[in-house]
Every structure is written in C-alpha cells, then in structure tokens.
N, C-alpha and C. Protein backbone atom coordinates (compact mmCIF):
# COMPACT_ATOMS: atom_id res chain seq x y z
N UNK A 1 32.95 -63.71 -36.45
CA UNK A 1 34.35 -64.09 -36.38
C UNK A 1 35.22 -62.83 -36.36
N UNK A 2 36.17 -62.77 -35.46
CA UNK A 2 37.06 -61.62 -35.32
C UNK A 2 38.03 -61.56 -36.48
N UNK A 3 38.28 -60.35 -36.95
CA UNK A 3 39.27 -60.11 -38.00
C UNK A 3 40.51 -59.50 -37.35
N UNK A 4 41.65 -59.79 -37.87
CA UNK A 4 42.90 -59.32 -37.30
C UNK A 4 43.66 -58.48 -38.30
N UNK A 5 44.14 -57.32 -37.85
CA UNK A 5 44.99 -56.47 -38.66
C UNK A 5 46.44 -56.82 -38.37
N UNK A 6 47.29 -56.63 -39.35
CA UNK A 6 48.72 -56.86 -39.13
C UNK A 6 49.51 -55.78 -39.87
N UNK A 7 50.78 -55.71 -39.55
CA UNK A 7 51.68 -54.76 -40.21
C UNK A 7 52.67 -55.50 -41.08
N UNK A 8 52.91 -54.95 -42.27
CA UNK A 8 53.93 -55.52 -43.13
C UNK A 8 55.30 -55.08 -42.61
N UNK A 9 56.36 -55.60 -43.21
CA UNK A 9 57.72 -55.25 -42.78
C UNK A 9 58.02 -53.77 -42.96
N UNK A 10 57.36 -53.12 -43.94
CA UNK A 10 57.62 -51.69 -44.15
C UNK A 10 56.61 -50.80 -43.43
N UNK A 11 55.76 -51.38 -42.56
CA UNK A 11 54.86 -50.60 -41.74
C UNK A 11 53.47 -50.40 -42.30
N UNK A 12 53.15 -51.00 -43.46
CA UNK A 12 51.81 -50.88 -44.02
C UNK A 12 50.82 -51.71 -43.23
N UNK A 13 49.61 -51.18 -43.05
CA UNK A 13 48.56 -51.88 -42.35
C UNK A 13 47.89 -52.85 -43.31
N UNK A 14 47.80 -54.12 -42.91
CA UNK A 14 47.20 -55.15 -43.76
C UNK A 14 45.92 -55.63 -43.10
N UNK A 15 44.81 -55.49 -43.83
CA UNK A 15 43.51 -55.95 -43.31
C UNK A 15 43.10 -57.20 -44.07
N UNK A 16 42.50 -58.16 -43.38
CA UNK A 16 42.02 -59.37 -44.06
C UNK A 16 40.81 -59.02 -44.92
N UNK A 17 40.46 -59.88 -45.85
CA UNK A 17 39.29 -59.63 -46.67
C UNK A 17 38.04 -59.68 -45.80
N UNK A 18 37.02 -58.97 -46.19
CA UNK A 18 35.79 -58.91 -45.38
C UNK A 18 35.76 -57.63 -44.57
N UNK A 19 34.57 -57.28 -44.09
CA UNK A 19 34.39 -56.03 -43.35
C UNK A 19 34.96 -56.14 -41.94
N UNK A 20 35.52 -55.04 -41.47
CA UNK A 20 36.01 -54.95 -40.10
C UNK A 20 34.96 -54.19 -39.28
N UNK A 21 34.52 -54.79 -38.20
CA UNK A 21 33.53 -54.12 -37.35
C UNK A 21 34.19 -53.06 -36.47
N UNK A 22 35.39 -53.30 -35.99
CA UNK A 22 36.10 -52.33 -35.16
C UNK A 22 37.59 -52.60 -35.24
N UNK A 23 38.33 -51.60 -34.89
CA UNK A 23 39.78 -51.72 -34.90
C UNK A 23 40.28 -51.27 -33.54
N UNK A 24 41.15 -52.03 -32.92
CA UNK A 24 41.80 -51.58 -31.69
C UNK A 24 43.30 -51.68 -31.88
N UNK A 25 43.97 -50.66 -31.42
CA UNK A 25 45.43 -50.61 -31.56
C UNK A 25 46.02 -50.55 -30.16
N UNK A 26 46.95 -51.45 -29.88
CA UNK A 26 47.59 -51.47 -28.56
C UNK A 26 48.43 -50.22 -28.37
N UNK A 27 48.34 -49.63 -27.20
CA UNK A 27 49.12 -48.43 -26.88
C UNK A 27 50.59 -48.80 -26.78
N UNK A 28 51.43 -47.95 -27.30
CA UNK A 28 52.88 -48.15 -27.25
C UNK A 28 53.53 -46.91 -26.68
N UNK A 29 54.66 -47.06 -26.09
CA UNK A 29 55.43 -45.95 -25.58
C UNK A 29 56.40 -45.51 -26.67
N UNK A 30 56.50 -44.22 -26.87
CA UNK A 30 57.43 -43.68 -27.86
C UNK A 30 58.81 -43.65 -27.24
N UNK A 31 59.67 -44.55 -27.63
CA UNK A 31 61.01 -44.63 -27.07
C UNK A 31 61.99 -43.79 -27.86
N UNK A 32 62.64 -42.86 -27.19
CA UNK A 32 63.59 -41.98 -27.86
C UNK A 32 65.04 -42.39 -27.64
N UNK A 33 65.27 -43.32 -26.72
CA UNK A 33 66.63 -43.71 -26.42
C UNK A 33 67.34 -42.64 -25.60
N UNK A 34 68.62 -42.74 -25.51
CA UNK A 34 69.42 -41.78 -24.73
C UNK A 34 69.53 -40.46 -25.48
N UNK A 35 69.55 -39.37 -24.73
CA UNK A 35 69.68 -38.04 -25.34
C UNK A 35 71.08 -37.84 -25.91
N UNK A 36 71.15 -37.20 -27.04
CA UNK A 36 72.43 -36.79 -27.63
C UNK A 36 72.83 -35.48 -26.96
N UNK A 37 74.02 -35.41 -26.41
CA UNK A 37 74.52 -34.20 -25.77
C UNK A 37 75.14 -33.30 -26.83
N UNK A 38 74.61 -32.07 -26.94
CA UNK A 38 75.06 -31.14 -27.97
C UNK A 38 75.42 -29.79 -27.34
N UNK A 39 76.63 -29.32 -27.60
CA UNK A 39 77.05 -28.00 -27.14
C UNK A 39 76.76 -26.98 -28.23
N UNK A 40 76.10 -25.91 -27.86
CA UNK A 40 75.79 -24.85 -28.82
C UNK A 40 77.09 -24.14 -29.20
N UNK A 41 77.26 -23.88 -30.49
CA UNK A 41 78.45 -23.19 -30.99
C UNK A 41 78.00 -21.99 -31.81
N UNK A 42 78.27 -20.80 -31.30
CA UNK A 42 77.89 -19.55 -31.98
C UNK A 42 76.41 -19.51 -32.33
N UNK A 43 75.57 -19.99 -31.42
CA UNK A 43 74.13 -19.95 -31.61
C UNK A 43 73.54 -21.10 -32.40
N UNK A 44 74.38 -22.05 -32.80
CA UNK A 44 73.92 -23.17 -33.63
C UNK A 44 74.07 -24.48 -32.88
N UNK A 45 73.02 -25.31 -32.94
CA UNK A 45 73.09 -26.67 -32.42
C UNK A 45 73.11 -27.62 -33.61
N UNK A 46 74.17 -28.40 -33.73
CA UNK A 46 74.27 -29.39 -34.79
C UNK A 46 73.90 -30.73 -34.18
N UNK A 47 72.76 -31.27 -34.59
CA UNK A 47 72.23 -32.49 -33.99
C UNK A 47 72.09 -33.59 -35.02
N UNK A 48 72.14 -34.84 -34.54
CA UNK A 48 71.97 -35.98 -35.44
C UNK A 48 70.90 -36.94 -34.94
N UNK A 49 70.33 -36.66 -33.77
CA UNK A 49 69.27 -37.50 -33.21
C UNK A 49 68.07 -36.63 -32.88
N UNK A 50 66.95 -37.27 -32.54
CA UNK A 50 65.73 -36.53 -32.28
C UNK A 50 65.49 -36.23 -30.81
N UNK A 51 66.37 -36.67 -29.92
CA UNK A 51 66.29 -36.36 -28.50
C UNK A 51 67.62 -35.73 -28.12
N UNK A 52 67.61 -34.45 -27.76
CA UNK A 52 68.84 -33.69 -27.59
C UNK A 52 68.86 -33.00 -26.23
N UNK A 53 70.00 -33.10 -25.54
CA UNK A 53 70.25 -32.36 -24.31
C UNK A 53 71.27 -31.27 -24.66
N UNK A 54 70.81 -30.01 -24.61
CA UNK A 54 71.65 -28.88 -24.99
C UNK A 54 72.56 -28.45 -23.85
N UNK A 55 73.75 -27.99 -24.21
CA UNK A 55 74.74 -27.51 -23.26
C UNK A 55 75.21 -26.13 -23.74
N UNK A 56 75.33 -25.19 -22.81
CA UNK A 56 75.82 -23.85 -23.15
C UNK A 56 77.26 -23.91 -23.62
N UNK A 57 77.59 -23.01 -24.54
CA UNK A 57 78.95 -22.93 -25.07
C UNK A 57 79.91 -22.42 -23.99
N UNK A 58 81.09 -22.96 -23.94
CA UNK A 58 82.10 -22.53 -22.98
C UNK A 58 81.72 -22.91 -21.56
N UNK A 59 82.18 -22.10 -20.62
CA UNK A 59 81.94 -22.39 -19.20
C UNK A 59 80.65 -21.78 -18.68
N UNK A 60 79.90 -21.10 -19.56
CA UNK A 60 78.69 -20.42 -19.12
C UNK A 60 77.55 -21.37 -18.80
N UNK A 61 76.53 -20.80 -18.15
CA UNK A 61 75.34 -21.59 -17.83
C UNK A 61 74.12 -21.07 -18.59
N UNK A 62 74.32 -20.05 -19.42
CA UNK A 62 73.25 -19.56 -20.28
C UNK A 62 73.78 -19.43 -21.69
N UNK A 63 72.87 -19.58 -22.65
CA UNK A 63 73.27 -19.46 -24.05
C UNK A 63 72.01 -19.20 -24.87
N UNK A 64 72.21 -18.82 -26.13
CA UNK A 64 71.09 -18.61 -27.03
C UNK A 64 71.22 -19.55 -28.22
N UNK A 65 70.10 -20.16 -28.58
CA UNK A 65 70.03 -21.03 -29.75
C UNK A 65 69.28 -20.30 -30.85
N UNK A 66 69.98 -20.04 -31.97
CA UNK A 66 69.38 -19.32 -33.09
C UNK A 66 68.95 -20.23 -34.22
N UNK A 67 69.66 -21.34 -34.39
CA UNK A 67 69.28 -22.26 -35.47
C UNK A 67 69.75 -23.68 -35.16
N UNK A 68 69.11 -24.62 -35.86
CA UNK A 68 69.40 -26.04 -35.69
C UNK A 68 69.85 -26.60 -37.03
N UNK A 69 70.97 -27.30 -37.01
CA UNK A 69 71.43 -28.03 -38.19
C UNK A 69 71.26 -29.50 -37.86
N UNK A 70 70.41 -30.18 -38.61
CA UNK A 70 70.15 -31.60 -38.39
C UNK A 70 70.95 -32.39 -39.40
N UNK A 71 71.95 -33.16 -38.92
CA UNK A 71 72.84 -33.89 -39.82
C UNK A 71 72.30 -35.27 -40.17
N UNK A 72 71.21 -35.68 -39.52
CA UNK A 72 70.60 -36.97 -39.83
C UNK A 72 69.72 -36.85 -41.06
N UNK A 73 68.82 -37.78 -41.19
CA UNK A 73 67.92 -37.85 -42.33
C UNK A 73 66.57 -37.26 -41.94
N UNK A 74 66.47 -35.95 -41.75
CA UNK A 74 65.21 -35.33 -41.33
C UNK A 74 64.19 -35.39 -42.45
N UNK A 75 62.98 -35.82 -42.10
CA UNK A 75 61.88 -35.90 -43.05
C UNK A 75 60.69 -35.13 -42.50
N UNK A 76 59.81 -34.69 -43.38
CA UNK A 76 58.60 -34.02 -42.94
C UNK A 76 57.87 -34.92 -41.94
N UNK A 77 57.46 -34.32 -40.83
CA UNK A 77 56.77 -35.07 -39.78
C UNK A 77 57.66 -35.47 -38.63
N UNK A 78 58.97 -35.31 -38.76
CA UNK A 78 59.88 -35.66 -37.67
C UNK A 78 59.69 -34.71 -36.49
N UNK A 79 59.93 -35.24 -35.29
CA UNK A 79 59.87 -34.46 -34.07
C UNK A 79 61.26 -34.36 -33.46
N UNK A 80 61.54 -33.25 -32.79
CA UNK A 80 62.81 -33.04 -32.12
C UNK A 80 62.51 -32.57 -30.70
N UNK A 81 63.00 -33.32 -29.71
CA UNK A 81 62.80 -32.98 -28.31
C UNK A 81 64.08 -32.36 -27.77
N UNK A 82 63.98 -31.11 -27.33
CA UNK A 82 65.13 -30.38 -26.78
C UNK A 82 64.98 -30.24 -25.28
N UNK A 83 66.01 -30.64 -24.54
CA UNK A 83 66.10 -30.43 -23.10
C UNK A 83 67.46 -29.77 -22.84
N UNK A 84 67.75 -29.47 -21.58
CA UNK A 84 69.04 -28.86 -21.25
C UNK A 84 69.68 -29.65 -20.11
N UNK A 85 70.99 -29.45 -19.93
CA UNK A 85 71.64 -30.15 -18.82
C UNK A 85 71.21 -29.52 -17.50
N UNK A 86 71.60 -30.10 -16.41
CA UNK A 86 71.07 -29.76 -15.08
C UNK A 86 71.41 -28.36 -14.60
N UNK A 87 72.33 -27.66 -15.25
CA UNK A 87 72.73 -26.34 -14.74
C UNK A 87 72.51 -25.21 -15.74
N UNK A 88 72.06 -25.50 -16.94
CA UNK A 88 71.97 -24.49 -17.99
C UNK A 88 70.55 -24.00 -18.24
N UNK A 89 70.46 -22.80 -18.78
CA UNK A 89 69.22 -22.27 -19.34
C UNK A 89 69.55 -21.81 -20.76
N UNK A 90 68.85 -22.36 -21.72
CA UNK A 90 69.07 -22.03 -23.12
C UNK A 90 67.85 -21.27 -23.64
N UNK A 91 68.09 -20.09 -24.19
CA UNK A 91 67.02 -19.29 -24.78
C UNK A 91 67.00 -19.56 -26.29
N UNK A 92 65.87 -20.07 -26.77
CA UNK A 92 65.70 -20.36 -28.19
C UNK A 92 65.05 -19.14 -28.82
N UNK A 93 65.64 -18.65 -29.91
CA UNK A 93 65.15 -17.46 -30.60
C UNK A 93 64.33 -17.90 -31.82
N UNK A 94 63.30 -17.14 -32.16
CA UNK A 94 62.44 -17.55 -33.27
C UNK A 94 62.87 -17.02 -34.63
N UNK A 95 64.09 -16.52 -34.74
CA UNK A 95 64.57 -16.01 -36.04
C UNK A 95 64.59 -17.10 -37.10
N UNK A 96 65.09 -18.28 -36.76
CA UNK A 96 65.19 -19.39 -37.72
C UNK A 96 64.40 -20.62 -37.29
N UNK A 97 63.72 -20.52 -36.17
CA UNK A 97 62.91 -21.62 -35.64
C UNK A 97 61.54 -21.01 -35.34
N UNK A 98 60.49 -21.57 -35.90
CA UNK A 98 59.15 -21.02 -35.71
C UNK A 98 58.63 -21.36 -34.33
N UNK A 99 58.56 -20.34 -33.46
CA UNK A 99 58.09 -20.53 -32.09
C UNK A 99 56.74 -19.86 -31.90
N UNK A 100 56.06 -20.23 -30.83
CA UNK A 100 54.80 -19.61 -30.47
C UNK A 100 54.99 -18.29 -29.74
N UNK A 101 56.22 -17.89 -29.50
CA UNK A 101 56.57 -16.63 -28.84
C UNK A 101 57.90 -16.18 -29.44
N UNK A 102 58.33 -14.97 -29.09
CA UNK A 102 59.59 -14.45 -29.63
C UNK A 102 60.78 -15.29 -29.20
N UNK A 103 60.73 -15.80 -27.95
CA UNK A 103 61.77 -16.68 -27.45
C UNK A 103 61.14 -17.72 -26.53
N UNK A 104 61.89 -18.80 -26.29
CA UNK A 104 61.51 -19.81 -25.31
C UNK A 104 62.76 -20.11 -24.50
N UNK A 105 62.66 -20.00 -23.18
CA UNK A 105 63.78 -20.29 -22.29
C UNK A 105 63.61 -21.70 -21.74
N UNK A 106 64.50 -22.60 -22.17
CA UNK A 106 64.46 -23.97 -21.67
C UNK A 106 65.40 -24.06 -20.49
N UNK A 107 64.85 -24.33 -19.32
CA UNK A 107 65.63 -24.48 -18.10
C UNK A 107 65.54 -25.94 -17.65
N UNK A 108 66.39 -26.34 -16.69
CA UNK A 108 66.31 -27.73 -16.21
C UNK A 108 64.87 -28.08 -15.79
N UNK A 109 64.39 -29.20 -16.28
CA UNK A 109 63.02 -29.64 -16.02
C UNK A 109 62.05 -29.23 -17.10
N UNK A 110 62.47 -28.37 -18.01
CA UNK A 110 61.62 -27.94 -19.12
C UNK A 110 62.05 -28.60 -20.42
N UNK A 111 61.25 -28.40 -21.47
CA UNK A 111 61.61 -28.95 -22.77
C UNK A 111 60.87 -28.21 -23.88
N UNK A 112 61.34 -28.37 -25.08
CA UNK A 112 60.73 -27.82 -26.27
C UNK A 112 60.64 -28.94 -27.31
N UNK A 113 59.45 -29.13 -27.86
CA UNK A 113 59.26 -30.15 -28.90
C UNK A 113 59.01 -29.41 -30.21
N UNK A 114 59.79 -29.74 -31.21
CA UNK A 114 59.68 -29.12 -32.52
C UNK A 114 59.24 -30.13 -33.56
N UNK A 115 58.51 -29.64 -34.57
CA UNK A 115 58.00 -30.45 -35.68
C UNK A 115 58.69 -29.96 -36.95
N UNK A 116 59.16 -30.91 -37.77
CA UNK A 116 59.83 -30.56 -39.03
C UNK A 116 58.85 -30.74 -40.18
N UNK A 117 58.61 -29.68 -40.95
CA UNK A 117 57.64 -29.76 -42.06
C UNK A 117 58.29 -30.09 -43.39
N UNK A 118 59.57 -30.41 -43.37
CA UNK A 118 60.30 -30.70 -44.60
C UNK A 118 61.22 -29.54 -44.98
N UNK A 119 60.97 -28.38 -44.37
CA UNK A 119 61.76 -27.19 -44.66
C UNK A 119 62.31 -26.54 -43.41
N UNK A 120 61.46 -26.44 -42.36
CA UNK A 120 61.88 -25.74 -41.15
C UNK A 120 61.27 -26.40 -39.91
N UNK A 121 61.85 -26.05 -38.74
CA UNK A 121 61.38 -26.56 -37.46
C UNK A 121 60.36 -25.58 -36.87
N UNK A 122 59.26 -26.12 -36.36
CA UNK A 122 58.18 -25.32 -35.78
C UNK A 122 57.82 -25.87 -34.41
N UNK A 123 57.58 -24.97 -33.46
CA UNK A 123 57.20 -25.39 -32.11
C UNK A 123 55.90 -26.19 -32.13
N UNK A 124 55.95 -27.33 -31.48
CA UNK A 124 54.76 -28.15 -31.29
C UNK A 124 54.30 -28.05 -29.84
N UNK A 125 55.26 -28.05 -28.89
CA UNK A 125 54.93 -27.96 -27.47
C UNK A 125 56.11 -27.37 -26.72
N UNK A 126 55.79 -26.64 -25.64
CA UNK A 126 56.82 -26.07 -24.78
C UNK A 126 56.40 -26.29 -23.34
N UNK A 127 57.33 -26.77 -22.53
CA UNK A 127 57.09 -26.96 -21.10
C UNK A 127 58.13 -26.14 -20.35
N UNK A 128 57.66 -25.09 -19.68
CA UNK A 128 58.56 -24.29 -18.85
C UNK A 128 58.93 -25.10 -17.62
N UNK A 129 60.13 -24.92 -17.12
CA UNK A 129 60.57 -25.66 -15.93
C UNK A 129 59.62 -25.45 -14.78
N UNK A 130 59.04 -24.25 -14.66
CA UNK A 130 58.12 -23.97 -13.56
C UNK A 130 56.82 -24.74 -13.69
N UNK A 131 56.48 -25.20 -14.91
CA UNK A 131 55.27 -26.01 -15.12
C UNK A 131 55.48 -27.45 -14.68
N UNK A 132 56.72 -27.85 -14.55
CA UNK A 132 57.07 -29.23 -14.26
C UNK A 132 57.42 -29.41 -12.78
N UNK A 133 56.48 -29.06 -11.91
CA UNK A 133 56.73 -29.18 -10.47
C UNK A 133 55.73 -30.11 -9.82
C-alpha cells in the first residue's frame, strides 16, 4: 500500500505511520515575482525584495555597488538575485560582499546570485552577459 507525505501549514513534512519505501517530490518552479527596481546611491543598494534590477545612479550607464542594505526580513539561507536594467553595467566590489573574484561586472543578460548566512552576503553564482548567448 502506498504511503503519502503531506505538508503542514507551517511547512513541516508529515509522514504517515509505517515505513516509507520511497519518497518522490514534485518539481516546482521557484517564483520570484517582479523585480524590484533599485537605484544605487553612493555605492549602496537598499533592497526589500529578493529579486532586484539595479540601476546606475544619475544619468550614467555604469556604477559600482559596494554594499547591500536589505530592509526586509533577511534570514540565514536567503538568496538575492541581482540583475541590471537594459543599458547599465554595474560592477560589484567584494569589500562588503563576499565574491569569488575581486569584482563582478553585471551587464544586461547577466546576473549575480548571493546567499545570506545571517551576517553577510556571499556569491553563490555569477553569470556574465557573454555567457548568456
């Protein structure tokens, strides 16, 4: 007889009594919703969502991102997806953000995914625009 797993309202996995021979989990798409548009101000991006489209400060098309201020409820394990608008290139510096290189240049078509460990943001993945062709 097949056993069925279910989720409680708070996300806990509930297994019926008796041994489970196998577990299968239906694949789901991670929906991020619409990107929050954020203009960098003096090297700082103040964000409140986990999907962000960065915009250069002023009329420029290039800018540098030195740090991120997350005004939402960031918890250890949260991910932050950074993209840029169609005309900008944003260089992320590793002074206050743990990157796999000294800098990462996010251009249209590229992105940077960061992981929050409860204290700081660390690079999880980087896609250069030239990789996305």
